[in-house]
């Protein structure tokens, strides 16, 4: 079951990084 736990961890990490990248891009566009 370690593989399943690892897959969940990777998915959560990816979603967090994706949300942070979206916020960064938005702030970058706002600053012009």
PDB file of N, CA and C in Angstrom:
ATOM      1  N   UNK A   1       0.825  -1.209   0.000  1.00  0.00           N
ATOM      2  CA  UNK A   1       0.000   0.000   0.000  1.00  0.00           C
ATOM      3  C   UNK A   1       0.866   1.269   0.000  1.00  0.00           C
ATOM      4  N   UNK A   2       2.182   1.093   0.073  1.00  0.00           N
ATOM      5  CA  UNK A   2       3.074   2.255   0.059  1.00  0.00           C
ATOM      6  C   UNK A   2       2.965   2.997  -1.263  1.00  0.00           C
ATOM      7  N   UNK A   3       2.745   2.239  -2.350  1.00  0.00           N
ATOM      8  CA  UNK A   3       2.641   2.860  -3.675  1.00  0.00           C
ATOM      9  C   UNK A   3       1.433   3.793  -3.726  1.00  0.00           C
ATOM     10  N   UNK A   4       0.324   3.354  -3.154  1.00  0.00           N
ATOM     11  CA  UNK A   4      -0.891   4.173  -3.153  1.00  0.00           C
ATOM     12  C   UNK A   4      -0.670   5.448  -2.350  1.00  0.00           C
ATOM     13  N   UNK A   5      -0.034   5.296  -1.189  1.00  0.00           N
ATOM     14  CA  UNK A   5       0.234   6.449  -0.325  1.00  0.00           C
ATOM     15  C   UNK A   5       1.167   7.425  -1.034  1.00  0.00           C
ATOM     16  N   UNK A   6       2.154   6.890  -1.751  1.00  0.00           N
ATOM     17  CA  UNK A   6       3.095   7.727  -2.494  1.00  0.00           C
ATOM     18  C   UNK A   6       2.386   8.460  -3.619  1.00  0.00           C
ATOM     19  N   UNK A   7       1.475   7.768  -4.297  1.00  0.00           N
ATOM     20  CA  UNK A   7       0.726   8.386  -5.395  1.00  0.00           C
ATOM     21  C   UNK A   7      -0.126   9.541  -4.874  1.00  0.00           C
ATOM     22  N   UNK A   8      -0.741   9.360  -3.712  1.00  0.00           N
ATOM     23  CA  UNK A   8      -1.566  10.417  -3.113  1.00  0.00           C
ATOM     24  C   UNK A   8      -0.690  11.607  -2.745  1.00  0.00           C
ATOM     25  N   UNK A   9       0.490  11.330  -2.194  1.00  0.00           N
ATOM     26  CA  UNK A   9       1.409  12.394  -1.801  1.00  0.00           C
ATOM     27  C   UNK A   9       1.851  13.194  -3.016  1.00  0.00           C
ATOM     28  N   UNK A  10       2.179  12.500  -4.108  1.00  0.00           N
ATOM     29  CA  UNK A  10       2.600  13.170  -5.344  1.00  0.00           C
ATOM     30  C   UNK A  10       1.464  14.020  -5.898  1.00  0.00           C
ATOM     31  N   UNK A  11       0.246  13.486  -5.869  1.00  0.00           N
ATOM     32  CA  UNK A  11      -0.909  14.226  -6.386  1.00  0.00           C
ATOM     33  C   UNK A  11      -1.152  15.498  -5.581  1.00  0.00           C
ATOM     34  N   UNK A  12      -1.066  15.385  -4.252  1.00  0.00           N
ATOM     35  CA  UNK A  12      -1.270  16.556  -3.397  1.00  0.00           C
ATOM     36  C   UNK A  12      -0.184  17.594  -3.639  1.00  0.00           C
ATOM     37  N   UNK A  13       1.068  17.142  -3.735  1.00  0.00           N
ATOM     38  CA  UNK A  13       2.187  18.061  -3.969  1.00  0.00           C
ATOM     39  C   UNK A  13       2.029  18.766  -5.295  1.00  0.00           C
ATOM     40  N   UNK A  14       1.633  18.013  -6.334  1.00  0.00           N
ATOM     41  CA  UNK A  14       1.463  18.595  -7.666  1.00  0.00           C
ATOM     42  C   UNK A  14       0.354  19.641  -7.671  1.00  0.00           C
ATOM     43  N   UNK A  15      -0.744  19.346  -6.975  1.00  0.00           N
ATOM     44  CA  UNK A  15      -1.870  20.291  -6.938  1.00  0.00           C
ATOM     45  C   UNK A  15      -1.472  21.569  -6.210  1.00  0.00           C
ATOM     46  N   UNK A  16      -0.675  21.438  -5.151  1.00  0.00           N
ATOM     47  CA  UNK A  16      -0.214  22.616  -4.403  1.00  0.00           C
ATOM     48  C   UNK A  16       0.714  23.454  -5.267  1.00  0.00           C
ATOM     49  N   UNK A  17       1.648  22.795  -5.953  1.00  0.00           N
ATOM     50  CA  UNK A  17       2.577  23.522  -6.825  1.00  0.00           C
ATOM     51  C   UNK A  17       1.827  24.207  -7.952  1.00  0.00           C
ATOM     52  N   UNK A  18       0.808  23.530  -8.468  1.00  0.00           N
ATOM     53  CA  UNK A  18       0.030  24.095  -9.572  1.00  0.00           C
ATOM     54  C   UNK A  18      -0.724  25.341  -9.110  1.00  0.00           C
ATOM     55  N   UNK A  19      -1.296  25.287  -7.909  1.00  0.00           N
ATOM     56  CA  UNK A  19      -2.040  26.441  -7.387  1.00  0.00           C
ATOM     57  C   UNK A  19      -1.088  27.603  -7.115  1.00  0.00           C
ATOM     58  N   UNK A  20       0.105  27.302  -6.603  1.00  0.00           N
ATOM     59  CA  UNK A  20       1.092  28.350  -6.342  1.00  0.00           C
ATOM     60  C   UNK A  20       1.548  28.979  -7.647  1.00  0.00           C
ATOM     61  N   UNK A  21       1.739  28.171  -8.685  1.00  0.00           N
ATOM     62  CA  UNK A  21       2.165  28.685  -9.983  1.00  0.00           C
ATOM     63  C   UNK A  21       1.085  29.580 -10.570  1.00  0.00           C
ATOM     64  N   UNK A  22      -0.174  29.212 -10.375  1.00  0.00           N
ATOM     65  CA  UNK A  22      -1.289  30.015 -10.884  1.00  0.00           C
ATOM     66  C   UNK A  22      -1.324  31.372 -10.192  1.00  0.00           C
ATOM     67  N   UNK A  23      -1.132  31.379  -8.875  1.00  0.00           N
ATOM     68  CA  UNK A  23      -1.124  32.636  -8.123  1.00  0.00           C
ATOM     69  C   UNK A  23       0.057  33.499  -8.551  1.00  0.00           C
ATOM     70  N   UNK A  24       1.198  32.870  -8.799  1.00  0.00           N
ATOM     71  CA  UNK A  24       2.393  33.605  -9.216  1.00  0.00           C
ATOM     72  C   UNK A  24       2.169  34.249 -10.573  1.00  0.00           C
ATOM     73  N   UNK A  25       1.582  33.500 -11.497  1.00  0.00           N
ATOM     74  CA  UNK A  25       1.304  34.033 -12.831  1.00  0.00           C
ATOM     75  C   UNK A  25       0.302  35.182 -12.753  1.00  0.00           C
ATOM     76  N   UNK A  26      -0.691  35.058 -11.893  1.00  0.00           N
ATOM     77  CA  UNK A  26      -1.704  36.102 -11.747  1.00  0.00           C
ATOM     78  C   UNK A  26      -1.071  37.378 -11.195  1.00  0.00           C
ATOM     79  N   UNK A  27      -0.222  37.244 -10.197  1.00  0.00           N
ATOM     80  CA  UNK A  27       0.433  38.417  -9.613  1.00  0.00           C
ATOM     81  C   UNK A  27       1.392  39.030 -10.621  1.00  0.00           C
ATOM     82  N   UNK A  28       1.998  38.194 -11.440  1.00  0.00           N
ATOM     83  CA  UNK A  28       2.935  38.672 -12.454  1.00  0.00           C
ATOM     84  C   UNK A  28       2.189  39.495 -13.500  1.00  0.00           C
ATOM     85  N   UNK A  29       0.993  39.029 -13.872  1.00  0.00           N
ATOM     86  CA  UNK A  29       0.187  39.759 -14.854  1.00  0.00           C
ATOM     87  C   UNK A  29      -0.337  41.062 -14.255  1.00  0.00           C
ATOM     88  N   UNK A  30      -0.671  41.032 -12.972  1.00  0.00           N
ATOM     89  CA  UNK A  30      -1.190  42.239 -12.312  1.00  0.00           C
ATOM     90  C   UNK A  30      -0.120  43.328 -12.243  1.00  0.00           C
ATOM     91  N   UNK A  31       1.125  42.912 -11.998  1.00  0.00           N
ATOM     92  CA  UNK A  31       2.212  43.886 -11.886  1.00  0.00           C
ATOM     93  C   UNK A  31       2.598  44.431 -13.255  1.00  0.00           C
ATOM     94  N   UNK A  32       2.175  43.737 -14.313  1.00  0.00           N
ATOM     95  CA  UNK A  32       2.424  44.218 -15.659  1.00  0.00           C
ATOM     96  C   UNK A  32       3.784  43.767 -16.130  1.00  0.00           C
TER      97      UNK A  32
END
